[in-house]
Full PDB file with SEQRES, HELIX, SHEET, SSBOND, CRYST1, ORIGX, SCALE, CONECT and MASTER records, all heavy atoms in Angstrom:
SEQRES   1 A   40  ASP SER GLU ILE CYS ARG ILE ASP ARG GLY GLU LEU PRO          
SEQRES   2 A   40  LEU SER GLU ALA HIS ASP ASP VAL ARG TRP ILE LEU ALA          
SEQRES   3 A   40  ARG CYS GLU ALA LEU ARG GLU GLU THR GLY GLY TYR PHE          
SEQRES   4 A   40  ASP                                                          
HELIX    1 AA1 GLU A    3  ASP A    8  1                                   6    
HELIX    2 AA2 LEU A   14  GLU A   16  5                                   3    
HELIX    3 AA3 ASP A   19  GLU A   34  1                                  16    
CRYST1    1.000    1.000    1.000  90.00  90.00  90.00 P 1           1          
ORIGX1      1.000000  0.000000  0.000000        0.00000                         
ORIGX2      0.000000  1.000000  0.000000        0.00000                         
ORIGX3      0.000000  0.000000  1.000000        0.00000                         
SCALE1      1.000000  0.000000  0.000000        0.00000                         
SCALE2      0.000000  1.000000  0.000000        0.00000                         
SCALE3      0.000000  0.000000  1.000000        0.00000                         
ATOM      1  N   ASP A   1      24.113  -9.171  11.396  1.00  0.00           N  
ATOM      2  CA  ASP A   1      25.368  -9.223  12.123  1.00  0.00           C  
ATOM      3  C   ASP A   1      26.027 -10.594  12.101  1.00  0.00           C  
ATOM      4  O   ASP A   1      27.070 -10.795  12.731  1.00  0.00           O  
ATOM      5  CB  ASP A   1      25.150  -8.787  13.575  1.00  0.00           C  
ATOM      6  CG  ASP A   1      24.146  -9.670  14.323  1.00  0.00           C  
ATOM      7  OD1 ASP A   1      23.377 -10.388  13.639  1.00  0.00           O  
ATOM      8  OD2 ASP A   1      24.126  -9.637  15.560  1.00  0.00           O  
ATOM      9  N   SER A   2      25.457 -11.570  11.389  1.00  0.00           N  
ATOM     10  CA  SER A   2      26.092 -12.895  11.315  1.00  0.00           C  
ATOM     11  C   SER A   2      27.384 -12.806  10.513  1.00  0.00           C  
ATOM     12  O   SER A   2      27.570 -11.901   9.683  1.00  0.00           O  
ATOM     13  CB  SER A   2      25.149 -13.906  10.664  1.00  0.00           C  
ATOM     14  OG  SER A   2      25.087 -13.706   9.257  1.00  0.00           O  
ATOM     15  N   GLU A   3      28.281 -13.743  10.754  1.00  0.00           N  
ATOM     16  CA  GLU A   3      29.545 -13.725  10.011  1.00  0.00           C  
ATOM     17  C   GLU A   3      29.307 -13.922   8.514  1.00  0.00           C  
ATOM     18  O   GLU A   3      29.999 -13.321   7.682  1.00  0.00           O  
ATOM     19  CB  GLU A   3      30.511 -14.777  10.563  1.00  0.00           C  
ATOM     20  CG  GLU A   3      31.030 -14.451  11.941  1.00  0.00           C  
ATOM     21  CD  GLU A   3      32.375 -15.109  12.250  1.00  0.00           C  
ATOM     22  OE1 GLU A   3      32.968 -15.727  11.349  1.00  0.00           O  
ATOM     23  OE2 GLU A   3      32.821 -14.966  13.409  1.00  0.00           O  
ATOM     24  N   ILE A   4      28.335 -14.754   8.159  1.00  0.00           N  
ATOM     25  CA  ILE A   4      28.058 -14.988   6.745  1.00  0.00           C  
ATOM     26  C   ILE A   4      27.593 -13.706   6.060  1.00  0.00           C  
ATOM     27  O   ILE A   4      28.067 -13.352   4.966  1.00  0.00           O  
ATOM     28  CB  ILE A   4      27.000 -16.098   6.583  1.00  0.00           C  
ATOM     29  CG1 ILE A   4      27.598 -17.454   6.977  1.00  0.00           C  
ATOM     30  CG2 ILE A   4      26.479 -16.154   5.149  1.00  0.00           C  
ATOM     31  CD1 ILE A   4      28.809 -17.884   6.162  1.00  0.00           C  
ATOM     32  N   CYS A   5      26.685 -12.964   6.676  1.00  0.00           N  
ATOM     33  CA  CYS A   5      26.214 -11.713   6.086  1.00  0.00           C  
ATOM     34  C   CYS A   5      27.337 -10.676   6.026  1.00  0.00           C  
ATOM     35  O   CYS A   5      27.450  -9.921   5.045  1.00  0.00           O  
ATOM     36  CB  CYS A   5      25.025 -11.161   6.871  1.00  0.00           C  
ATOM     37  SG  CYS A   5      23.482 -12.080   6.595  1.00  0.00           S  
ATOM     38  N   ARG A   6      28.162 -10.619   7.042  1.00  0.00           N  
ATOM     39  CA  ARG A   6      29.262  -9.653   7.053  1.00  0.00           C  
ATOM     40  C   ARG A   6      30.296  -9.994   5.987  1.00  0.00           C  
ATOM     41  O   ARG A   6      30.837  -9.092   5.329  1.00  0.00           O  
ATOM     42  CB  ARG A   6      29.897  -9.614   8.443  1.00  0.00           C  
ATOM     43  CG  ARG A   6      28.982  -9.007   9.511  1.00  0.00           C  
ATOM     44  CD  ARG A   6      29.537  -9.238  10.893  1.00  0.00           C  
ATOM     45  NE  ARG A   6      30.843  -8.618  11.043  1.00  0.00           N  
ATOM     46  CZ  ARG A   6      31.768  -9.037  11.898  1.00  0.00           C  
ATOM     47  NH1 ARG A   6      31.529 -10.102  12.684  1.00  0.00           N  
ATOM     48  NH2 ARG A   6      32.924  -8.430  11.978  1.00  0.00           N  
ATOM     49  N   ILE A   7      30.565 -11.282   5.772  1.00  0.00           N  
ATOM     50  CA  ILE A   7      31.471 -11.690   4.690  1.00  0.00           C  
ATOM     51  C   ILE A   7      30.872 -11.329   3.345  1.00  0.00           C  
ATOM     52  O   ILE A   7      31.551 -10.802   2.453  1.00  0.00           O  
ATOM     53  CB  ILE A   7      31.764 -13.199   4.773  1.00  0.00           C  
ATOM     54  CG1 ILE A   7      32.623 -13.521   5.998  1.00  0.00           C  
ATOM     55  CG2 ILE A   7      32.469 -13.690   3.500  1.00  0.00           C  
ATOM     56  CD1 ILE A   7      32.760 -15.008   6.283  1.00  0.00           C  
ATOM     57  N   ASP A   8      29.577 -11.591   3.196  1.00  0.00           N  
ATOM     58  CA  ASP A   8      28.906 -11.327   1.918  1.00  0.00           C  
ATOM     59  C   ASP A   8      28.943  -9.833   1.572  1.00  0.00           C  
ATOM     60  O   ASP A   8      29.051  -9.462   0.398  1.00  0.00           O  
ATOM     61  CB  ASP A   8      27.461 -11.824   1.992  1.00  0.00           C  
ATOM     62  CG  ASP A   8      26.796 -11.896   0.635  1.00  0.00           C  
ATOM     63  OD1 ASP A   8      27.482 -12.236  -0.359  1.00  0.00           O  
ATOM     64  OD2 ASP A   8      25.590 -11.617   0.541  1.00  0.00           O  
ATOM     65  N   ARG A   9      28.856  -8.969   2.581  1.00  0.00           N  
ATOM     66  CA  ARG A   9      28.887  -7.519   2.343  1.00  0.00           C  
ATOM     67  C   ARG A   9      30.307  -6.977   2.241  1.00  0.00           C  
ATOM     68  O   ARG A   9      30.508  -5.783   2.019  1.00  0.00           O  
ATOM     69  CB  ARG A   9      28.154  -6.789   3.484  1.00  0.00           C  
ATOM     70  CG  ARG A   9      26.663  -7.039   3.533  1.00  0.00           C  
ATOM     71  CD  ARG A   9      25.980  -6.012   4.451  1.00  0.00           C  
ATOM     72  NE  ARG A   9      26.537  -6.041   5.797  1.00  0.00           N  
ATOM     73  CZ  ARG A   9      26.036  -6.746   6.813  1.00  0.00           C  
ATOM     74  NH1 ARG A   9      24.963  -7.513   6.615  1.00  0.00           N  
ATOM     75  NH2 ARG A   9      26.586  -6.700   8.010  1.00  0.00           N  
ATOM     76  N   GLY A  10      31.301  -7.847   2.441  1.00  0.00           N  
ATOM     77  CA  GLY A  10      32.685  -7.406   2.368  1.00  0.00           C  
ATOM     78  C   GLY A  10      33.185  -6.745   3.631  1.00  0.00           C  
ATOM     79  O   GLY A  10      34.246  -6.099   3.630  1.00  0.00           O  
ATOM     80  N   GLU A  11      32.455  -6.897   4.732  1.00  0.00           N  
ATOM     81  CA  GLU A  11      32.821  -6.249   5.993  1.00  0.00           C  
ATOM     82  C   GLU A  11      33.732  -7.108   6.858  1.00  0.00           C  
ATOM     83  O   GLU A  11      34.392  -6.592   7.767  1.00  0.00           O  
ATOM     84  CB  GLU A  11      31.560  -5.907   6.784  1.00  0.00           C  
ATOM     85  CG  GLU A  11      30.645  -4.914   6.088  1.00  0.00           C  
ATOM     86  CD  GLU A  11      29.324  -4.721   6.813  1.00  0.00           C  
ATOM     87  OE1 GLU A  11      29.135  -5.316   7.895  1.00  0.00           O  
ATOM     88  OE2 GLU A  11      28.486  -3.967   6.284  1.00  0.00           O  
ATOM     89  N   LEU A  12      33.756  -8.419   6.598  1.00  0.00           N  
ATOM     90  CA  LEU A  12      34.567  -9.340   7.389  1.00  0.00           C  
ATOM     91  C   LEU A  12      35.470 -10.132   6.449  1.00  0.00           C  
ATOM     92  O   LEU A  12      34.978 -10.954   5.654  1.00  0.00           O  
ATOM     93  CB  LEU A  12      33.680 -10.297   8.193  1.00  0.00           C  
ATOM     94  CG  LEU A  12      34.399 -11.379   9.008  1.00  0.00           C  
ATOM     95  CD1 LEU A  12      35.233 -10.744  10.123  1.00  0.00           C  
ATOM     96  CD2 LEU A  12      33.388 -12.372   9.598  1.00  0.00           C  
ATOM     97  N   PRO A  13      36.784  -9.930   6.504  1.00  0.00           N  
ATOM     98  CA  PRO A  13      37.685 -10.736   5.671  1.00  0.00           C  
ATOM     99  C   PRO A  13      37.596 -12.209   6.073  1.00  0.00           C  
ATOM    100  O   PRO A  13      37.477 -12.529   7.262  1.00  0.00           O  
ATOM    101  CB  PRO A  13      39.072 -10.158   5.982  1.00  0.00           C  
ATOM    102  CG  PRO A  13      38.817  -8.816   6.584  1.00  0.00           C  
ATOM    103  CD  PRO A  13      37.506  -8.919   7.291  1.00  0.00           C  
ATOM    104  N   LEU A  14      37.653 -13.081   5.085  1.00  0.00           N  
ATOM    105  CA  LEU A  14      37.552 -14.511   5.386  1.00  0.00           C  
ATOM    106  C   LEU A  14      38.641 -14.950   6.353  1.00  0.00           C  
ATOM    107  O   LEU A  14      38.414 -15.812   7.205  1.00  0.00           O  
ATOM    108  CB  LEU A  14      37.632 -15.317   4.086  1.00  0.00           C  
ATOM    109  CG  LEU A  14      37.405 -16.829   4.206  1.00  0.00           C  
ATOM    110  CD1 LEU A  14      36.043 -17.126   4.824  1.00  0.00           C  
ATOM    111  CD2 LEU A  14      37.532 -17.500   2.845  1.00  0.00           C  
ATOM    112  N   SER A  15      39.802 -14.343   6.263  1.00  0.00           N  
ATOM    113  CA  SER A  15      40.920 -14.709   7.136  1.00  0.00           C  
ATOM    114  C   SER A  15      40.633 -14.409   8.602  1.00  0.00           C  
ATOM    115  O   SER A  15      41.267 -14.976   9.495  1.00  0.00           O  
ATOM    116  CB  SER A  15      42.190 -13.976   6.701  1.00  0.00           C  
ATOM    117  OG  SER A  15      41.996 -12.565   6.787  1.00  0.00           O  
ATOM    118  N   GLU A  16      39.661 -13.510   8.862  1.00  0.00           N  
ATOM    119  CA  GLU A  16      39.325 -13.152  10.239  1.00  0.00           C  
ATOM    120  C   GLU A  16      38.056 -13.851  10.728  1.00  0.00           C  
ATOM    121  O   GLU A  16      37.632 -13.633  11.867  1.00  0.00           O  
ATOM    122  CB  GLU A  16      39.147 -11.632  10.353  1.00  0.00           C  
ATOM    123  CG  GLU A  16      40.416 -10.854  10.038  1.00  0.00           C  
ATOM    124  CD  GLU A  16      40.212  -9.354  10.123  1.00  0.00           C  
ATOM    125  OE1 GLU A  16      39.173  -8.922  10.673  1.00  0.00           O  
ATOM    126  OE2 GLU A  16      41.091  -8.615   9.641  1.00  0.00           O  
ATOM    127  N   ALA A  17      37.458 -14.689   9.892  1.00  0.00           N  
ATOM    128  CA  ALA A  17      36.231 -15.388  10.273  1.00  0.00           C  
ATOM    129  C   ALA A  17      36.543 -16.546  11.210  1.00  0.00           C  
ATOM    130  O   ALA A  17      37.694 -17.002  11.332  1.00  0.00           O  
ATOM    131  CB  ALA A  17      35.514 -15.899   9.029  1.00  0.00           C  
ATOM    132  N   HIS A  18      35.500 -17.038  11.881  1.00  0.00           N  
ATOM    133  CA  HIS A  18      35.640 -18.194  12.770  1.00  0.00           C  
ATOM    134  C   HIS A  18      36.147 -19.398  11.983  1.00  0.00           C  
ATOM    135  O   HIS A  18      35.854 -19.552  10.786  1.00  0.00           O  
ATOM    136  CB  HIS A  18      34.278 -18.511  13.400  1.00  0.00           C  
ATOM    137  CG  HIS A  18      34.344 -19.484  14.525  1.00  0.00           C  
ATOM    138  ND1 HIS A  18      34.439 -20.848  14.341  1.00  0.00           N  
ATOM    139  CD2 HIS A  18      34.321 -19.291  15.882  1.00  0.00           C  
ATOM    140  CE1 HIS A  18      34.467 -21.452  15.513  1.00  0.00           C  
ATOM    141  NE2 HIS A  18      34.395 -20.538  16.470  1.00  0.00           N  
ATOM    142  N   ASP A  19      36.905 -20.263  12.643  1.00  0.00           N  
ATOM    143  CA  ASP A  19      37.458 -21.454  11.985  1.00  0.00           C  
ATOM    144  C   ASP A  19      36.359 -22.278  11.320  1.00  0.00           C  
ATOM    145  O   ASP A  19      36.554 -22.805  10.213  1.00  0.00           O  
ATOM    146  CB  ASP A  19      38.205 -22.328  12.997  1.00  0.00           C  
ATOM    147  CG  ASP A  19      39.524 -21.718  13.432  1.00  0.00           C  
ATOM    148  OD1 ASP A  19      39.955 -20.722  12.804  1.00  0.00           O  
ATOM    149  OD2 ASP A  19      40.124 -22.229  14.399  1.00  0.00           O  
ATOM    150  N   ASP A  20      35.216 -22.432  11.997  1.00  0.00           N  
ATOM    151  CA  ASP A  20      34.125 -23.229  11.428  1.00  0.00           C  
ATOM    152  C   ASP A  20      33.571 -22.576  10.165  1.00  0.00           C  
ATOM    153  O   ASP A  20      33.176 -23.270   9.220  1.00  0.00           O  
ATOM    154  CB  ASP A  20      32.999 -23.409  12.453  1.00  0.00           C  
ATOM    155  CG  ASP A  20      33.356 -24.424  13.533  1.00  0.00           C  
ATOM    156  OD1 ASP A  20      34.287 -25.218  13.315  1.00  0.00           O  
ATOM    157  OD2 ASP A  20      32.692 -24.406  14.586  1.00  0.00           O  
ATOM    158  N   VAL A  21      33.510 -21.258  10.137  1.00  0.00           N  
ATOM    159  CA  VAL A  21      33.025 -20.559   8.945  1.00  0.00           C  
ATOM    160  C   VAL A  21      33.978 -20.791   7.784  1.00  0.00           C  
ATOM    161  O   VAL A  21      33.549 -21.082   6.653  1.00  0.00           O  
ATOM    162  CB  VAL A  21      32.859 -19.056   9.228  1.00  0.00           C  
ATOM    163  CG1 VAL A  21      32.530 -18.291   7.950  1.00  0.00           C  
ATOM    164  CG2 VAL A  21      31.768 -18.832  10.278  1.00  0.00           C  
ATOM    165  N   ARG A  22      35.257 -20.677   8.038  1.00  0.00           N  
ATOM    166  CA  ARG A  22      36.246 -20.907   6.970  1.00  0.00           C  
ATOM    167  C   ARG A  22      36.156 -22.343   6.467  1.00  0.00           C  
ATOM    168  O   ARG A  22      36.241 -22.605   5.261  1.00  0.00           O  
ATOM    169  CB  ARG A  22      37.654 -20.581   7.457  1.00  0.00           C  
ATOM    170  CG  ARG A  22      37.853 -19.114   7.789  1.00  0.00           C  
ATOM    171  CD  ARG A  22      39.326 -18.727   7.752  1.00  0.00           C  
ATOM    172  NE  ARG A  22      40.124 -19.542   8.656  1.00  0.00           N  
ATOM    173  CZ  ARG A  22      40.332 -19.242   9.937  1.00  0.00           C  
ATOM    174  NH1 ARG A  22      39.787 -18.153  10.469  1.00  0.00           N  
ATOM    175  NH2 ARG A  22      41.078 -20.011  10.700  1.00  0.00           N  
ATOM    176  N   TRP A  23      35.961 -23.302   7.405  1.00  0.00           N  
ATOM    177  CA  TRP A  23      35.870 -24.706   6.992  1.00  0.00           C  
ATOM    178  C   TRP A  23      34.635 -24.935   6.125  1.00  0.00           C  
ATOM    179  O   TRP A  23      34.709 -25.613   5.092  1.00  0.00           O  
ATOM    180  CB  TRP A  23      35.825 -25.619   8.214  1.00  0.00           C  
ATOM    181  CG  TRP A  23      35.871 -27.073   7.841  1.00  0.00           C  
ATOM    182  CD1 TRP A  23      36.983 -27.852   7.712  1.00  0.00           C  
ATOM    183  CD2 TRP A  23      34.746 -27.908   7.515  1.00  0.00           C  
ATOM    184  NE1 TRP A  23      36.623 -29.121   7.324  1.00  0.00           N  
ATOM    185  CE2 TRP A  23      35.264 -29.185   7.190  1.00  0.00           C  
ATOM    186  CE3 TRP A  23      33.371 -27.713   7.465  1.00  0.00           C  
ATOM    187  CZ2 TRP A  23      34.443 -30.258   6.837  1.00  0.00           C  
ATOM    188  CZ3 TRP A  23      32.552 -28.774   7.088  1.00  0.00           C  
ATOM    189  CH2 TRP A  23      33.082 -30.027   6.787  1.00  0.00           C  
ATOM    190  N   ILE A  24      33.505 -24.389   6.551  1.00  0.00           N  
ATOM    191  CA  ILE A  24      32.264 -24.569   5.793  1.00  0.00           C  
ATOM    192  C   ILE A  24      32.406 -24.005   4.381  1.00  0.00           C  
ATOM    193  O   ILE A  24      32.012 -24.642   3.386  1.00  0.00           O  
ATOM    194  CB  ILE A  24      31.079 -23.901   6.527  1.00  0.00           C  
ATOM    195  CG1 ILE A  24      30.596 -24.784   7.680  1.00  0.00           C  
ATOM    196  CG2 ILE A  24      29.927 -23.619   5.576  1.00  0.00           C  
ATOM    197  CD1 ILE A  24      29.861 -26.039   7.256  1.00  0.00           C  
ATOM    198  N   LEU A  25      32.960 -22.812   4.250  1.00  0.00           N  
ATOM    199  CA  LEU A  25      33.074 -22.204   2.930  1.00  0.00           C  
ATOM    200  C   LEU A  25      34.063 -22.962   2.052  1.00  0.00           C  
ATOM    201  O   LEU A  25      33.856 -23.094   0.833  1.00  0.00           O  
ATOM    202  CB  LEU A  25      33.463 -20.728   3.061  1.00  0.00           C  
ATOM    203  CG  LEU A  25      32.409 -19.857   3.748  1.00  0.00           C  
ATOM    204  CD1 LEU A  25      32.863 -18.399   3.798  1.00  0.00           C  
ATOM    205  CD2 LEU A  25      31.059 -19.973   3.048  1.00  0.00           C  
ATOM    206  N   ALA A  26      35.109 -23.516   2.656  1.00  0.00           N  
ATOM    207  CA  ALA A  26      36.038 -24.341   1.885  1.00  0.00           C  
ATOM    208  C   ALA A  26      35.369 -25.636   1.439  1.00  0.00           C  
ATOM    209  O   ALA A  26      35.568 -26.097   0.300  1.00  0.00           O  
ATOM    210  CB  ALA A  26      37.283 -24.647   2.718  1.00  0.00           C  
ATOM    211  N   ARG A  27      34.571 -26.218   2.303  1.00  0.00           N  
ATOM    212  CA  ARG A  27      33.857 -27.451   1.949  1.00  0.00           C  
ATOM    213  C   ARG A  27      32.814 -27.165   0.871  1.00  0.00           C  
ATOM    214  O   ARG A  27      32.625 -27.983  -0.048  1.00  0.00           O  
ATOM    215  CB  ARG A  27      33.194 -28.035   3.194  1.00  0.00           C  
ATOM    216  CG  ARG A  27      32.385 -29.303   2.959  1.00  0.00           C  
ATOM    217  CD  ARG A  27      33.230 -30.450   2.493  1.00  0.00           C  
ATOM    218  NE  ARG A  27      32.452 -31.669   2.351  1.00  0.00           N  
ATOM    219  CZ  ARG A  27      32.656 -32.579   1.410  1.00  0.00           C  
ATOM    220  NH1 ARG A  27      33.639 -32.419   0.524  1.00  0.00           N  
ATOM    221  NH2 ARG A  27      31.904 -33.658   1.345  1.00  0.00           N  
ATOM    222  N   CYS A  28      32.156 -26.021   0.940  1.00  0.00           N  
ATOM    223  CA  CYS A  28      31.204 -25.646  -0.114  1.00  0.00           C  
ATOM    224  C   CYS A  28      31.905 -25.559  -1.463  1.00  0.00           C  
ATOM    225  O   CYS A  28      31.365 -25.994  -2.486  1.00  0.00           O  
ATOM    226  CB  CYS A  28      30.547 -24.305   0.217  1.00  0.00           C  
ATOM    227  SG  CYS A  28      29.228 -24.380   1.464  1.00  0.00           S  
ATOM    228  N   GLU A  29      33.094 -24.982  -1.471  1.00  0.00           N  
ATOM    229  CA  GLU A  29      33.826 -24.862  -2.726  1.00  0.00           C  
ATOM    230  C   GLU A  29      34.228 -26.242  -3.254  1.00  0.00           C  
ATOM    231  O   GLU A  29      34.134 -26.504  -4.459  1.00  0.00           O  
ATOM    232  CB  GLU A  29      35.065 -23.992  -2.527  1.00  0.00           C  
ATOM    233  CG  GLU A  29      35.942 -23.844  -3.765  1.00  0.00           C  
ATOM    234  CD  GLU A  29      35.211 -23.266  -4.972  1.00  0.00           C  
ATOM    235  OE1 GLU A  29      34.193 -22.570  -4.792  1.00  0.00           O  
ATOM    236  OE2 GLU A  29      35.676 -23.508  -6.107  1.00  0.00           O  
ATOM    237  N   ALA A  30      34.656 -27.132  -2.349  1.00  0.00           N  
ATOM    238  CA  ALA A  30      35.005 -28.491  -2.767  1.00  0.00           C  
ATOM    239  C   ALA A  30      33.791 -29.214  -3.350  1.00  0.00           C  
ATOM    240  O   ALA A  30      33.892 -29.928  -4.358  1.00  0.00           O  
ATOM    241  CB  ALA A  30      35.584 -29.273  -1.589  1.00  0.00           C  
ATOM    242  N   LEU A  31      32.623 -29.032  -2.724  1.00  0.00           N  
ATOM    243  CA  LEU A  31      31.395 -29.654  -3.225  1.00  0.00           C  
ATOM    244  C   LEU A  31      30.959 -29.036  -4.550  1.00  0.00           C  
ATOM    245  O   LEU A  31      30.421 -29.726  -5.414  1.00  0.00           O  
ATOM    246  CB  LEU A  31      30.287 -29.529  -2.185  1.00  0.00           C  
ATOM    247  CG  LEU A  31      30.401 -30.481  -0.996  1.00  0.00           C  
ATOM    248  CD1 LEU A  31      29.536 -30.002   0.164  1.00  0.00           C  
ATOM    249  CD2 LEU A  31      30.017 -31.905  -1.390  1.00  0.00           C  
ATOM    250  N   ARG A  32      31.185 -27.735  -4.721  1.00  0.00           N  
ATOM    251  CA  ARG A  32      30.859 -27.102  -6.001  1.00  0.00           C  
ATOM    252  C   ARG A  32      31.653 -27.761  -7.132  1.00  0.00           C  
ATOM    253  O   ARG A  32      31.109 -28.067  -8.201  1.00  0.00           O  
ATOM    254  CB  ARG A  32      31.157 -25.601  -5.947  1.00  0.00           C  
ATOM    255  CG  ARG A  32      30.674 -24.831  -7.179  1.00  0.00           C  
ATOM    256  CD  ARG A  32      31.172 -23.394  -7.165  1.00  0.00           C  
ATOM    257  NE  ARG A  32      32.620 -23.354  -7.290  1.00  0.00           N  
ATOM    258  CZ  ARG A  32      33.269 -23.464  -8.458  1.00  0.00           C  
ATOM    259  NH1 ARG A  32      32.593 -23.627  -9.584  1.00  0.00           N  
ATOM    260  NH2 ARG A  32      34.580 -23.408  -8.485  1.00  0.00           N  
ATOM    261  N   GLU A  33      32.928 -27.995  -6.878  1.00  0.00           N  
ATOM    262  CA  GLU A  33      33.759 -28.644  -7.893  1.00  0.00           C  
ATOM    263  C   GLU A  33      33.343 -30.091  -8.108  1.00  0.00           C  
ATOM    264  O   GLU A  33      33.258 -30.565  -9.247  1.00  0.00           O  
ATOM    265  CB  GLU A  33      35.231 -28.559  -7.487  1.00  0.00           C  
ATOM    266  CG  GLU A  33      35.780 -27.137  -7.440  1.00  0.00           C  
ATOM    267  CD  GLU A  33      37.230 -27.089  -7.027  1.00  0.00           C  
ATOM    268  OE1 GLU A  33      37.841 -28.169  -6.846  1.00  0.00           O  
ATOM    269  OE2 GLU A  33      37.773 -25.972  -6.880  1.00  0.00           O  
ATOM    270  N   GLU A  34      33.052 -30.810  -7.017  1.00  0.00           N  
ATOM    271  CA  GLU A  34      32.690 -32.233  -7.109  1.00  0.00           C  
ATOM    272  C   GLU A  34      31.375 -32.426  -7.870  1.00  0.00           C  
ATOM    273  O   GLU A  34      31.205 -33.426  -8.580  1.00  0.00           O  
ATOM    274  CB  GLU A  34      32.558 -32.825  -5.702  1.00  0.00           C  
ATOM    275  CG  GLU A  34      32.207 -34.302  -5.680  1.00  0.00           C  
ATOM    276  CD  GLU A  34      32.011 -34.856  -4.284  1.00  0.00           C  
ATOM    277  OE1 GLU A  34      32.265 -34.132  -3.296  1.00  0.00           O  
ATOM    278  OE2 GLU A  34      31.601 -36.028  -4.173  1.00  0.00           O  
ATOM    279  N   THR A  35      30.455 -31.481  -7.717  1.00  0.00           N  
ATOM    280  CA  THR A  35      29.128 -31.634  -8.329  1.00  0.00           C  
ATOM    281  C   THR A  35      29.018 -30.913  -9.679  1.00  0.00           C  
ATOM    282  O   THR A  35      27.913 -30.775 -10.208  1.00  0.00           O  
ATOM    283  CB  THR A  35      28.040 -31.092  -7.391  1.00  0.00           C  
ATOM    284  OG1 THR A  35      28.242 -29.680  -7.186  1.00  0.00           O  
ATOM    285  CG2 THR A  35      28.048 -31.815  -6.053  1.00  0.00           C  
ATOM    286  N   GLY A  36      30.121 -30.460 -10.217  1.00  0.00           N  
ATOM    287  CA  GLY A  36      30.072 -29.761 -11.489  1.00  0.00           C  
ATOM    288  C   GLY A  36      29.336 -28.433 -11.414  1.00  0.00           C  
ATOM    289  O   GLY A  36      28.757 -27.977 -12.400  1.00  0.00           O  
ATOM    290  N   GLY A  37      29.376 -27.809 -10.229  1.00  0.00           N  
ATOM    291  CA  GLY A  37      28.750 -26.511 -10.048  1.00  0.00           C  
ATOM    292  C   GLY A  37      27.291 -26.563  -9.647  1.00  0.00           C  
ATOM    293  O   GLY A  37      26.674 -25.505  -9.438  1.00  0.00           O  
ATOM    294  N   TYR A  38      26.703 -27.759  -9.521  1.00  0.00           N  
ATOM    295  CA  TYR A  38      25.274 -27.842  -9.176  1.00  0.00           C  
ATOM    296  C   TYR A  38      25.008 -27.573  -7.702  1.00  0.00           C  
ATOM    297  O   TYR A  38      23.889 -27.201  -7.342  1.00  0.00           O  
ATOM    298  CB  TYR A  38      24.708 -29.195  -9.599  1.00  0.00           C  
ATOM    299  CG  TYR A  38      24.464 -29.279 -11.083  1.00  0.00           C  
ATOM    300  CD1 TYR A  38      25.397 -29.865 -11.924  1.00  0.00           C  
ATOM    301  CD2 TYR A  38      23.311 -28.738 -11.650  1.00  0.00           C  
ATOM    302  CE1 TYR A  38      25.188 -29.928 -13.301  1.00  0.00           C  
ATOM    303  CE2 TYR A  38      23.091 -28.796 -13.014  1.00  0.00           C  
ATOM    304  CZ  TYR A  38      24.033 -29.386 -13.831  1.00  0.00           C  
ATOM    305  OH  TYR A  38      23.836 -29.426 -15.191  1.00  0.00           O  
ATOM    306  N   PHE A  39      26.005 -27.793  -6.850  1.00  0.00           N  
ATOM    307  CA  PHE A  39      25.895 -27.313  -5.463  1.00  0.00           C  
ATOM    308  C   PHE A  39      26.756 -26.062  -5.391  1.00  0.00           C  
ATOM    309  O   PHE A  39      27.973 -26.124  -5.531  1.00  0.00           O  
ATOM    310  CB  PHE A  39      26.380 -28.353  -4.455  1.00  0.00           C  
ATOM    311  CG  PHE A  39      26.276 -27.876  -3.032  1.00  0.00           C  
ATOM    312  CD1 PHE A  39      25.101 -28.046  -2.318  1.00  0.00           C  
ATOM    313  CD2 PHE A  39      27.342 -27.230  -2.412  1.00  0.00           C  
ATOM    314  CE1 PHE A  39      24.992 -27.580  -1.007  1.00  0.00           C  
ATOM    315  CE2 PHE A  39      27.238 -26.764  -1.108  1.00  0.00           C  
ATOM    316  CZ  PHE A  39      26.067 -26.947  -0.407  1.00  0.00           C  
ATOM    317  N   ASP A  40      26.116 -24.930  -5.189  1.00  0.00           N  
ATOM    318  CA  ASP A  40      26.830 -23.655  -5.252  1.00  0.00           C  
ATOM    319  C   ASP A  40      26.299 -22.734  -4.163  1.00  0.00           C  
ATOM    320  O   ASP A  40      25.118 -22.369  -4.169  1.00  0.00           O  
ATOM    321  CB  ASP A  40      26.636 -23.016  -6.632  1.00  0.00           C  
ATOM    322  CG  ASP A  40      27.527 -21.802  -6.848  1.00  0.00           C  
ATOM    323  OD1 ASP A  40      28.068 -21.267  -5.858  1.00  0.00           O  
ATOM    324  OD2 ASP A  40      27.678 -21.383  -8.006  1.00  0.00           O  
TER     325      ASP A  40                                                      
MASTER        0    0    0    3    0    0    0    6  324    1    0    4          
END                                                                             
């Protein structure tokens, strides 16, 4: 029932997730680009 699991299963649109969840996932994407995909 966590937001991360619900997003992963497609049950929770990212636009409806908690602000902190959206921030974390955006930061993960920025780090993926910064590290050449090694942090994913």
